Amino acid sequence: MKRTVIIEIISLLLVILFLYTGLSKMLDYDLFKGVIGTSPILKPIAPFIAITLPTFECIVAVLIFIPKTRWIGLYIAFIMMIIFTAYIVAILSYGEHIPCSCGGVLEEMSWQTHLVFNIIFTCLSAWAIYLNRKEHRQLSSTIIQ
């Protein structure tokens, strides 16, 4: 029972995070597109990222929200958080001031704070995956008996 509650809380946090950032980027599309266009890493693919990333973030939020698709949503969220975290590490390595294009209040964080934030959410998504797998194994063994 405790595992289920933890999975639900982490899932809710991830849904809020991905829905909030995705919708923020969609609502301020021109700003988002412009900001990612200033990134030396994303500049060549900025138009593609500007359209696909916010849409994909919202889709991931929906996948996590629906219990039957939650496991795949958690895996995708985990992978996305790793990619976002790697991007921040790359930005910090560049040493230049590059504006954050994360959407909403997350843009107000420093890159260092954002790195910690992302590491926390990466760990939370990994924990939810671990607990979800453990819960499904326990359910399967109960059904077989």
Foldseek 3Di string as FASTA:
>chain_A
DVLVVLLVVLLVVLLCLLLQQLVQCVVVLVVLLVQLCPDPVCVVPSVVCSPPVSVVSNVLSVLCVDVVSNLVSLVVSLVVLVVVLVVLVVVVVVVDDRFDSRGDPLSVDDSVVNNVVSVVSNVSSVSSNVSVVVVVVVVVVVVVD
